[in-house]
PDB file of N, CA and C in Angstrom:
ATOM      1  N   UNK A   1      -6.008  15.492  11.099  1.00  0.00           N
ATOM      2  CA  UNK A   1      -6.585  16.052   9.968  1.00  0.00           C
ATOM      3  C   UNK A   1      -8.043  15.875   9.576  1.00  0.00           C
ATOM      4  N   UNK A   2      -8.951  16.979   9.438  1.00  0.00           N
ATOM      5  CA  UNK A   2     -10.405  16.751   9.156  1.00  0.00           C
ATOM      6  C   UNK A   2     -10.759  15.647   8.398  1.00  0.00           C
ATOM      7  N   UNK A   3     -11.612  15.027   8.488  1.00  0.00           N
ATOM      8  CA  UNK A   3     -12.101  13.864   7.711  1.00  0.00           C
ATOM      9  C   UNK A   3     -12.441  14.481   5.964  1.00  0.00           C
ATOM     10  N   UNK A   4     -12.820  15.486   5.887  1.00  0.00           N
ATOM     11  CA  UNK A   4     -13.390  15.914   4.822  1.00  0.00           C
ATOM     12  C   UNK A   4     -12.257  16.373   3.700  1.00  0.00           C
ATOM     13  N   UNK A   5     -11.306  16.643   4.299  1.00  0.00           N
ATOM     14  CA  UNK A   5      -9.794  16.788   3.966  1.00  0.00           C
ATOM     15  C   UNK A   5      -9.125  15.417   3.195  1.00  0.00           C
ATOM     16  N   UNK A   6      -9.307  14.364   4.186  1.00  0.00           N
ATOM     17  CA  UNK A   6      -8.959  13.132   3.903  1.00  0.00           C
ATOM     18  C   UNK A   6      -9.748  12.502   2.810  1.00  0.00           C
ATOM     19  N   UNK A   7     -10.858  12.787   2.901  1.00  0.00           N
ATOM     20  CA  UNK A   7     -11.861  12.180   1.793  1.00  0.00           C
ATOM     21  C   UNK A   7     -11.751  13.049   0.323  1.00  0.00           C
ATOM     22  N   UNK A   8     -11.438  14.292   0.264  1.00  0.00           N
ATOM     23  CA  UNK A   8     -11.032  15.107  -0.774  1.00  0.00           C
ATOM     24  C   UNK A   8      -9.833  14.416  -1.348  1.00  0.00           C
ATOM     25  N   UNK A   9      -8.843  14.290  -0.583  1.00  0.00           N
ATOM     26  CA  UNK A   9      -7.412  13.906  -1.048  1.00  0.00           C
ATOM     27  C   UNK A   9      -7.476  12.475  -1.799  1.00  0.00           C
ATOM     28  N   UNK A  10      -8.287  11.654  -1.064  1.00  0.00           N
ATOM     29  CA  UNK A  10      -8.266  10.283  -1.416  1.00  0.00           C
ATOM     30  C   UNK A  10      -9.203  10.408  -2.801  1.00  0.00           C
ATOM     31  N   UNK A  11     -10.266  10.819  -2.980  1.00  0.00           N
ATOM     32  CA  UNK A  11     -11.121  11.121  -4.133  1.00  0.00           C
ATOM     33  C   UNK A  11     -10.319  11.482  -5.179  1.00  0.00           C
ATOM     34  N   UNK A  12      -9.384  12.505  -5.062  1.00  0.00           N
ATOM     35  CA  UNK A  12      -8.756  13.140  -5.945  1.00  0.00           C
ATOM     36  C   UNK A  12      -7.775  12.346  -6.497  1.00  0.00           C
ATOM     37  N   UNK A  13      -6.915  11.579  -5.662  1.00  0.00           N
ATOM     38  CA  UNK A  13      -5.749  11.088  -6.054  1.00  0.00           C
ATOM     39  C   UNK A  13      -6.423   9.513  -7.202  1.00  0.00           C
ATOM     40  N   UNK A  14      -7.531   8.972  -6.458  1.00  0.00           N
ATOM     41  CA  UNK A  14      -7.952   8.001  -7.271  1.00  0.00           C
ATOM     42  C   UNK A  14      -8.393   8.180  -8.471  1.00  0.00           C
ATOM     43  N   UNK A  15      -9.326   9.362  -8.376  1.00  0.00           N
ATOM     44  CA  UNK A  15      -9.800   9.741  -9.847  1.00  0.00           C
ATOM     45  C   UNK A  15      -8.719  10.495 -10.877  1.00  0.00           C
ATOM     46  N   UNK A  16      -7.923  11.011 -10.311  1.00  0.00           N
ATOM     47  CA  UNK A  16      -7.162  11.356 -11.264  1.00  0.00           C
ATOM     48  C   UNK A  16      -6.180  10.350 -11.773  1.00  0.00           C
ATOM     49  N   UNK A  17      -6.015   9.249 -11.079  1.00  0.00           N
ATOM     50  CA  UNK A  17      -5.172   8.157 -11.429  1.00  0.00           C
ATOM     51  C   UNK A  17      -5.934   7.601 -12.548  1.00  0.00           C
ATOM     52  N   UNK A  18      -7.289   7.158 -12.366  1.00  0.00           N
ATOM     53  CA  UNK A  18      -8.278   6.612 -13.381  1.00  0.00           C
ATOM     54  C   UNK A  18      -8.495   7.487 -14.640  1.00  0.00           C
ATOM     55  N   UNK A  19      -8.321   8.637 -14.498  1.00  0.00           N
ATOM     56  CA  UNK A  19      -8.588   9.548 -15.753  1.00  0.00           C
ATOM     57  C   UNK A  19      -6.964   9.475 -16.499  1.00  0.00           C
ATOM     58  N   UNK A  20      -5.866   9.340 -15.622  1.00  0.00           N
ATOM     59  CA  UNK A  20      -4.822   8.983 -16.384  1.00  0.00           C
ATOM     60  C   UNK A  20      -4.700   7.507 -17.094  1.00  0.00           C
ATOM     61  N   UNK A  21      -5.300   6.497 -16.708  1.00  0.00           N
ATOM     62  CA  UNK A  21      -5.463   5.469 -17.106  1.00  0.00           C
ATOM     63  C   UNK A  21      -6.075   5.280 -18.492  1.00  0.00           C
ATOM     64  N   UNK A  22      -7.348   5.960 -18.251  1.00  0.00           N
ATOM     65  CA  UNK A  22      -8.175   5.973 -19.428  1.00  0.00           C
ATOM     66  C   UNK A  22      -7.575   6.813 -20.498  1.00  0.00           C
ATOM     67  N   UNK A  23      -6.790   8.008 -20.446  1.00  0.00           N
ATOM     68  CA  UNK A  23      -6.052   8.448 -21.472  1.00  0.00           C
ATOM     69  C   UNK A  23      -4.957   7.487 -21.863  1.00  0.00           C
ATOM     70  N   UNK A  24      -4.262   6.853 -21.100  1.00  0.00           N
ATOM     71  CA  UNK A  24      -3.222   5.760 -21.504  1.00  0.00           C
ATOM     72  C   UNK A  24      -4.008   4.893 -22.326  1.00  0.00           C
ATOM     73  N   UNK A  25      -5.030   4.193 -22.071  1.00  0.00           N
ATOM     74  CA  UNK A  25      -5.728   3.363 -22.675  1.00  0.00           C
ATOM     75  C   UNK A  25      -6.070   3.979 -24.177  1.00  0.00           C
ATOM     76  N   UNK A  26      -6.483   5.075 -24.038  1.00  0.00           N
ATOM     77  CA  UNK A  26      -7.071   5.976 -25.254  1.00  0.00           C
ATOM     78  C   UNK A  26      -5.449   6.023 -26.570  1.00  0.00           C
ATOM     79  N   UNK A  27      -4.546   6.230 -25.593  1.00  0.00           N
ATOM     80  CA  UNK A  27      -3.438   6.500 -26.744  1.00  0.00           C
ATOM     81  C   UNK A  27      -2.952   5.008 -27.319  1.00  0.00           C
ATOM     82  N   UNK A  28      -3.136   4.079 -26.415  1.00  0.00           N
ATOM     83  CA  UNK A  28      -2.887   2.513 -26.849  1.00  0.00           C
ATOM     84  C   UNK A  28      -3.980   2.102 -28.029  1.00  0.00           C
ATOM     85  N   UNK A  29      -5.023   2.418 -27.982  1.00  0.00           N
ATOM     86  CA  UNK A  29      -5.978   1.727 -28.701  1.00  0.00           C
ATOM     87  C   UNK A  29      -5.759   2.524 -30.027  1.00  0.00           C
ATOM     88  N   UNK A  30      -5.517   3.963 -29.929  1.00  0.00           N
ATOM     89  CA  UNK A  30      -5.320   4.729 -31.440  1.00  0.00           C
ATOM     90  C   UNK A  30      -4.089   4.338 -31.934  1.00  0.00           C
ATOM     91  N   UNK A  31      -3.005   3.858 -31.331  1.00  0.00           N
ATOM     92  CA  UNK A  31      -1.677   3.252 -31.938  1.00  0.00           C
ATOM     93  C   UNK A  31      -1.501   1.768 -32.169  1.00  0.00           C
ATOM     94  N   UNK A  32      -2.044   0.920 -31.432  1.00  0.00           N
ATOM     95  CA  UNK A  32      -2.080  -0.588 -31.848  1.00  0.00           C
ATOM     96  C   UNK A  32      -3.175  -0.825 -33.022  1.00  0.00           C
ATOM     97  N   UNK A  33      -4.344  -0.256 -32.941  1.00  0.00           N
ATOM     98  CA  UNK A  33      -5.292  -0.375 -33.962  1.00  0.00           C
ATOM     99  C   UNK A  33      -4.578  -0.469 -35.418  1.00  0.00           C
ATOM    100  N   UNK A  34      -4.005   0.651 -35.821  1.00  0.00           N
ATOM    101  CA  UNK A  34      -3.217   0.398 -36.910  1.00  0.00           C
ATOM    102  C   UNK A  34      -2.018  -0.296 -37.178  1.00  0.00           C
ATOM    103  N   UNK A  35      -1.364  -0.475 -36.109  1.00  0.00           N
ATOM    104  CA  UNK A  35      -0.006  -1.109 -36.274  1.00  0.00           C
ATOM    105  C   UNK A  35      -0.026  -2.545 -35.603  1.00  0.00           C
ATOM    106  N   UNK A  36      -0.402  -2.709 -34.667  1.00  0.00           N
ATOM    107  CA  UNK A  36      -0.561  -4.128 -33.963  1.00  0.00           C
ATOM    108  C   UNK A  36       0.551  -4.181 -33.342  1.00  0.00           C
ATOM    109  N   UNK A  37       1.306  -3.414 -32.977  1.00  0.00           N
ATOM    110  CA  UNK A  37       2.705  -3.403 -32.261  1.00  0.00           C
ATOM    111  C   UNK A  37       2.408  -3.052 -30.714  1.00  0.00           C
ATOM    112  N   UNK A  38       3.399  -3.594 -30.102  1.00  0.00           N
ATOM    113  CA  UNK A  38       3.398  -3.044 -28.623  1.00  0.00           C
ATOM    114  C   UNK A  38       3.571  -1.759 -28.416  1.00  0.00           C
ATOM    115  N   UNK A  39       2.610  -1.027 -27.424  1.00  0.00           N
ATOM    116  CA  UNK A  39       2.607   0.657 -27.185  1.00  0.00           C
ATOM    117  C   UNK A  39       3.896   0.721 -26.533  1.00  0.00           C
ATOM    118  N   UNK A  40       4.634   1.719 -26.711  1.00  0.00           N
ATOM    119  CA  UNK A  40       5.780   2.440 -25.976  1.00  0.00           C
ATOM    120  C   UNK A  40       5.759   3.730 -25.923  1.00  0.00           C
ATOM    121  N   UNK A  41       5.705   4.703 -25.104  1.00  0.00           N
ATOM    122  CA  UNK A  41       5.865   5.861 -25.165  1.00  0.00           C
ATOM    123  C   UNK A  41       7.065   5.985 -24.075  1.00  0.00           C
ATOM    124  N   UNK A  42       8.190   7.106 -24.574  1.00  0.00           N
ATOM    125  CA  UNK A  42       9.203   7.603 -23.832  1.00  0.00           C
ATOM    126  C   UNK A  42       9.019   9.042 -23.565  1.00  0.00           C
ATOM    127  N   UNK A  43       9.179   9.412 -21.980  1.00  0.00           N
ATOM    128  CA  UNK A  43       8.421  10.185 -21.109  1.00  0.00           C
ATOM    129  C   UNK A  43       9.980  11.273 -21.207  1.00  0.00           C
ATOM    130  N   UNK A  44      10.839  10.690 -20.384  1.00  0.00           N
ATOM    131  CA  UNK A  44      12.340  11.294 -20.021  1.00  0.00           C
ATOM    132  C   UNK A  44      13.327  10.176 -19.907  1.00  0.00           C
ATOM    133  N   UNK A  45      14.634  10.805 -20.058  1.00  0.00           N
ATOM    134  CA  UNK A  45      15.578   9.951 -19.634  1.00  0.00           C
ATOM    135  C   UNK A  45      16.037  10.328 -18.103  1.00  0.00           C
ATOM    136  N   UNK A  46      15.883   8.719 -17.414  1.00  0.00           N
ATOM    137  CA  UNK A  46      16.076   9.330 -15.941  1.00  0.00           C
ATOM    138  C   UNK A  46      17.797   9.250 -15.743  1.00  0.00           C
ATOM    139  N   UNK A  47      18.498   8.011 -16.285  1.00  0.00           N
ATOM    140  CA  UNK A  47      19.867   7.746 -15.975  1.00  0.00           C
ATOM    141  C   UNK A  47      20.361   7.565 -17.573  1.00  0.00           C
ATOM    142  N   UNK A  48      21.543   8.261 -17.906  1.00  0.00           N
ATOM    143  CA  UNK A  48      22.353   8.280 -19.360  1.00  0.00           C
ATOM    144  C   UNK A  48      23.916   7.877 -18.884  1.00  0.00           C
ATOM    145  N   UNK A  49      24.463   6.964 -19.220  1.00  0.00           N
ATOM    146  CA  UNK A  49      25.868   6.729 -18.933  1.00  0.00           C
ATOM    147  C   UNK A  49      26.227   6.040 -20.124  1.00  0.00           C
ATOM    148  N   UNK A  50      26.895   6.491 -21.179  1.00  0.00           N
ATOM    149  CA  UNK A  50      27.457   6.047 -22.145  1.00  0.00           C
ATOM    150  C   UNK A  50      26.533   5.501 -23.190  1.00  0.00           C
ATOM    151  N   UNK A  51      26.309   4.163 -23.549  1.00  0.00           N
ATOM    152  CA  UNK A  51      25.366   3.511 -23.976  1.00  0.00           C
ATOM    153  C   UNK A  51      24.110   3.096 -23.547  1.00  0.00           C
ATOM    154  N   UNK A  52      24.421   3.327 -22.129  1.00  0.00           N
ATOM    155  CA  UNK A  52      23.147   2.684 -21.298  1.00  0.00           C
ATOM    156  C   UNK A  52      22.205   3.632 -21.031  1.00  0.00           C
ATOM    157  N   UNK A  53      21.036   3.587 -21.216  1.00  0.00           N
ATOM    158  CA  UNK A  53      19.810   4.265 -20.745  1.00  0.00           C
ATOM    159  C   UNK A  53      18.685   3.952 -19.951  1.00  0.00           C
ATOM    160  N   UNK A  54      18.396   4.411 -18.934  1.00  0.00           N
ATOM    161  CA  UNK A  54      17.074   4.057 -18.068  1.00  0.00           C
ATOM    162  C   UNK A  54      16.272   5.101 -18.459  1.00  0.00           C
ATOM    163  N   UNK A  55      15.123   5.016 -18.965  1.00  0.00           N
ATOM    164  CA  UNK A  55      14.421   6.139 -19.214  1.00  0.00           C
ATOM    165  C   UNK A  55      12.848   5.821 -18.297  1.00  0.00           C
ATOM    166  N   UNK A  56      12.280   6.976 -18.018  1.00  0.00           N
ATOM    167  CA  UNK A  56      10.996   6.785 -17.440  1.00  0.00           C
ATOM    168  C   UNK A  56       9.876   6.455 -18.927  1.00  0.00           C
ATOM    169  N   UNK A  57       9.508   5.467 -19.020  1.00  0.00           N
ATOM    170  CA  UNK A  57       8.964   5.132 -20.099  1.00  0.00           C
ATOM    171  C   UNK A  57       7.473   4.244 -19.827  1.00  0.00           C
ATOM    172  N   UNK A  58       6.713   3.950 -20.526  1.00  0.00           N
ATOM    173  CA  UNK A  58       5.364   3.531 -20.225  1.00  0.00           C
ATOM    174  C   UNK A  58       5.380   2.181 -21.593  1.00  0.00           C
ATOM    175  N   UNK A  59       5.278   1.009 -21.284  1.00  0.00           N
ATOM    176  CA  UNK A  59       4.824   0.403 -22.414  1.00  0.00           C
ATOM    177  C   UNK A  59       3.636  -0.671 -21.732  1.00  0.00           C
ATOM    178  N   UNK A  60       2.927  -0.902 -23.186  1.00  0.00           N
ATOM    179  CA  UNK A  60       1.560  -1.254 -22.903  1.00  0.00           C
ATOM    180  C   UNK A  60       1.247  -2.533 -23.697  1.00  0.00           C
ATOM    181  N   UNK A  61       0.559  -3.380 -23.301  1.00  0.00           N
ATOM    182  CA  UNK A  61      -0.008  -4.455 -24.209  1.00  0.00           C
ATOM    183  C   UNK A  61      -1.376  -4.913 -23.818  1.00  0.00           C
ATOM    184  N   UNK A  62      -2.165  -5.785 -24.326  1.00  0.00           N
ATOM    185  CA  UNK A  62      -3.519  -5.723 -23.964  1.00  0.00           C
ATOM    186  C   UNK A  62      -3.752  -6.328 -22.683  1.00  0.00           C
ATOM    187  N   UNK A  63      -3.290  -7.170 -22.056  1.00  0.00           N
ATOM    188  CA  UNK A  63      -3.184  -7.406 -20.583  1.00  0.00           C
ATOM    189  C   UNK A  63      -2.996  -6.138 -19.826  1.00  0.00           C
ATOM    190  N   UNK A  64      -1.723  -5.409 -20.277  1.00  0.00           N
ATOM    191  CA  UNK A  64      -1.693  -4.222 -19.270  1.00  0.00           C
ATOM    192  C   UNK A  64      -2.876  -3.469 -19.021  1.00  0.00           C
ATOM    193  N   UNK A  65      -3.602  -3.163 -20.510  1.00  0.00           N
ATOM    194  CA  UNK A  65      -4.317  -2.342 -20.558  1.00  0.00           C
ATOM    195  C   UNK A  65      -5.835  -2.488 -19.728  1.00  0.00           C
ATOM    196  N   UNK A  66      -6.084  -4.054 -19.451  1.00  0.00           N
ATOM    197  CA  UNK A  66      -7.065  -4.668 -18.629  1.00  0.00           C
ATOM    198  C   UNK A  66      -6.776  -4.258 -17.173  1.00  0.00           C
ATOM    199  N   UNK A  67      -5.488  -4.712 -17.014  1.00  0.00           N
ATOM    200  CA  UNK A  67      -5.053  -4.587 -15.473  1.00  0.00           C
ATOM    201  C   UNK A  67      -5.010  -3.307 -14.921  1.00  0.00           C
ATOM    202  N   UNK A  68      -4.616  -2.394 -15.609  1.00  0.00           N
ATOM    203  CA  UNK A  68      -4.504  -0.825 -15.500  1.00  0.00           C
ATOM    204  C   UNK A  68      -5.965  -0.276 -15.292  1.00  0.00           C
ATOM    205  N   UNK A  69      -6.999  -0.693 -16.024  1.00  0.00           N
ATOM    206  CA  UNK A  69      -8.223  -0.187 -15.801  1.00  0.00           C
ATOM    207  C   UNK A  69      -8.857  -0.766 -14.385  1.00  0.00           C
ATOM    208  N   UNK A  70      -8.498  -2.065 -14.533  1.00  0.00           N
ATOM    209  CA  UNK A  70      -9.477  -2.755 -13.221  1.00  0.00           C
ATOM    210  C   UNK A  70      -8.909  -2.264 -12.344  1.00  0.00           C
ATOM    211  N   UNK A  71      -7.350  -2.125 -11.705  1.00  0.00           N
ATOM    212  CA  UNK A  71      -6.763  -1.514 -10.575  1.00  0.00           C
ATOM    213  C   UNK A  71      -7.293  -0.144 -10.096  1.00  0.00           C
ATOM    214  N   UNK A  72      -7.144   0.604 -11.327  1.00  0.00           N
ATOM    215  CA  UNK A  72      -7.552   1.997 -10.784  1.00  0.00           C
ATOM    216  C   UNK A  72      -8.943   2.348 -10.873  1.00  0.00           C
ATOM    217  N   UNK A  73      -9.853   1.602 -11.428  1.00  0.00           N
ATOM    218  CA  UNK A  73     -11.246   1.724 -11.369  1.00  0.00           C
ATOM    219  C   UNK A  73     -11.985   1.186 -10.260  1.00  0.00           C
ATOM    220  N   UNK A  74     -11.321  -0.031  -9.707  1.00  0.00           N
ATOM    221  CA  UNK A  74     -11.689  -0.531  -8.281  1.00  0.00           C
ATOM    222  C   UNK A  74     -11.263   0.333  -7.364  1.00  0.00           C
ATOM    223  N   UNK A  75      -9.922   0.857  -7.262  1.00  0.00           N
ATOM    224  CA  UNK A  75      -9.394   1.851  -6.310  1.00  0.00           C
ATOM    225  C   UNK A  75     -10.345   3.149  -6.384  1.00  0.00           C
ATOM    226  N   UNK A  76     -10.842   3.574  -7.437  1.00  0.00           N
ATOM    227  CA  UNK A  76     -11.664   4.575  -7.175  1.00  0.00           C
ATOM    228  C   UNK A  76     -12.983   4.486  -6.973  1.00  0.00           C
ATOM    229  N   UNK A  77     -13.767   3.205  -7.384  1.00  0.00           N
ATOM    230  CA  UNK A  77     -14.848   2.950  -6.630  1.00  0.00           C
ATOM    231  C   UNK A  77     -14.812   2.567  -5.128  1.00  0.00           C
ATOM    232  N   UNK A  78     -13.792   1.968  -4.712  1.00  0.00           N
ATOM    233  CA  UNK A  78     -13.753   1.602  -3.458  1.00  0.00           C
ATOM    234  C   UNK A  78     -13.433   3.040  -2.534  1.00  0.00           C
ATOM    235  N   UNK A  79     -12.909   3.974  -3.156  1.00  0.00           N
ATOM    236  CA  UNK A  79     -12.943   5.281  -2.223  1.00  0.00           C
ATOM    237  C   UNK A  79     -14.007   6.087  -2.346  1.00  0.00           C
ATOM    238  N   UNK A  80     -14.658   5.921  -3.513  1.00  0.00           N
ATOM    239  CA  UNK A  80     -15.863   6.686  -3.633  1.00  0.00           C
ATOM    240  C   UNK A  80     -17.334   6.333  -2.740  1.00  0.00           C
ATOM    241  N   UNK A  81     -17.178   4.950  -2.641  1.00  0.00           N
ATOM    242  CA  UNK A  81     -17.887   4.379  -1.666  1.00  0.00           C
ATOM    243  C   UNK A  81     -18.205   5.063   0.117  1.00  0.00           C
ATOM    244  N   UNK A  82     -19.065   5.382   0.253  1.00  0.00           N
ATOM    245  CA  UNK A  82     -18.881   6.158   1.885  1.00  0.00           C
ATOM    246  C   UNK A  82     -18.621   4.717   2.606  1.00  0.00           C
ATOM    247  N   UNK A  83     -17.588   5.156   3.632  1.00  0.00           N
ATOM    248  CA  UNK A  83     -17.235   4.111   4.703  1.00  0.00           C
ATOM    249  C   UNK A  83     -18.363   3.341   5.399  1.00  0.00           C
ATOM    250  N   UNK A  84     -18.282   2.016   5.634  1.00  0.00           N
ATOM    251  CA  UNK A  84     -19.238   1.229   6.296  1.00  0.00           C
ATOM    252  C   UNK A  84     -20.491   0.822   5.556  1.00  0.00           C
ATOM    253  N   UNK A  85     -20.914   1.618   4.296  1.00  0.00           N
ATOM    254  CA  UNK A  85     -21.972   0.931   3.437  1.00  0.00           C
ATOM    255  C   UNK A  85     -21.971  -0.216   2.843  1.00  0.00           C
ATOM    256  N   UNK A  86     -20.496  -0.976   2.788  1.00  0.00           N
ATOM    257  CA  UNK A  86     -20.516  -2.152   2.392  1.00  0.00           C
ATOM    258  C   UNK A  86     -21.095  -3.046   3.444  1.00  0.00           C
ATOM    259  N   UNK A  87     -20.506  -2.722   4.482  1.00  0.00           N
ATOM    260  CA  UNK A  87     -20.832  -3.634   5.969  1.00  0.00           C
ATOM    261  C   UNK A  87     -22.343  -3.428   6.113  1.00  0.00           C
ATOM    262  N   UNK A  88     -23.217  -2.527   5.705  1.00  0.00           N
ATOM    263  CA  UNK A  88     -24.363  -2.135   5.871  1.00  0.00           C
ATOM    264  C   UNK A  88     -25.040  -2.960   4.988  1.00  0.00           C
ATOM    265  N   UNK A  89     -24.514  -2.953   3.717  1.00  0.00           N
ATOM    266  CA  UNK A  89     -25.515  -3.580   2.955  1.00  0.00           C
ATOM    267  C   UNK A  89     -25.337  -5.024   2.926  1.00  0.00           C
ATOM    268  N   UNK A  90     -24.173  -5.454   3.414  1.00  0.00           N
ATOM    269  CA  UNK A  90     -24.244  -7.035   3.455  1.00  0.00           C
ATOM    270  C   UNK A  90     -24.886  -7.529   4.713  1.00  0.00           C
ATOM    271  N   UNK A  91     -25.134  -6.695   5.872  1.00  0.00           N
ATOM    272  CA  UNK A  91     -26.005  -7.176   6.861  1.00  0.00           C
ATOM    273  C   UNK A  91     -27.524  -6.743   6.442  1.00  0.00           C
ATOM    274  N   UNK A  92     -27.804  -5.928   5.524  1.00  0.00           N
ATOM    275  CA  UNK A  92     -29.166  -5.625   5.280  1.00  0.00           C
ATOM    276  C   UNK A  92     -29.526  -7.085   4.549  1.00  0.00           C
ATOM    277  N   UNK A  93     -28.539  -7.323   3.412  1.00  0.00           N
ATOM    278  CA  UNK A  93     -29.021  -8.327   2.607  1.00  0.00           C
ATOM    279  C   UNK A  93     -28.969  -9.516   3.140  1.00  0.00           C
ATOM    280  N   UNK A  94     -28.347  -9.898   4.196  1.00  0.00           N
ATOM    281  CA  UNK A  94     -28.378 -11.210   5.129  1.00  0.00           C
ATOM    282  C   UNK A  94     -30.028 -11.383   5.998  1.00  0.00           C
ATOM    283  N   UNK A  95     -30.116 -10.138   6.474  1.00  0.00           N
ATOM    284  CA  UNK A  95     -31.205 -10.233   7.096  1.00  0.00           C
ATOM    285  C   UNK A  95     -32.503 -10.258   6.322  1.00  0.00           C
ATOM    286  N   UNK A  96     -32.580  -9.613   4.804  1.00  0.00           N
ATOM    287  CA  UNK A  96     -33.705 -10.020   4.246  1.00  0.00           C
ATOM    288  C   UNK A  96     -33.700 -11.277   3.726  1.00  0.00           C
ATOM    289  N   UNK A  97     -32.749 -12.048   3.857  1.00  0.00           N
ATOM    290  CA  UNK A  97     -32.647 -13.701   3.151  1.00  0.00           C
ATOM    291  C   UNK A  97     -33.112 -14.539   4.074  1.00  0.00           C
ATOM    292  N   UNK A  98     -33.226 -14.196   5.121  1.00  0.00           N
ATOM    293  CA  UNK A  98     -33.794 -15.023   6.440  1.00  0.00           C
ATOM    294  C   UNK A  98     -35.564 -14.645   6.534  1.00  0.00           C
TER     295      UNK A  98
END
């Protein structure tokens, strides 16, 4: 597979996940600020059997918000950095210190 396609897919997937995380955090902040409760959003029922319900839901609190932004943000930044630049930057910094 050509390198350009791989880079496009990697940047798009991590960028979209970061954008979705930002939207989830925006919804969390608009809900939690007035109520002070845990945010829960029900998307759809996955399994329903009698009184049992297993849904595809999203539940967030303050720690979840921080972790979602850190994980998706770092993932996007690490894929948007050209390959090899961290290694080259470390080598350049080390040689300038001597």
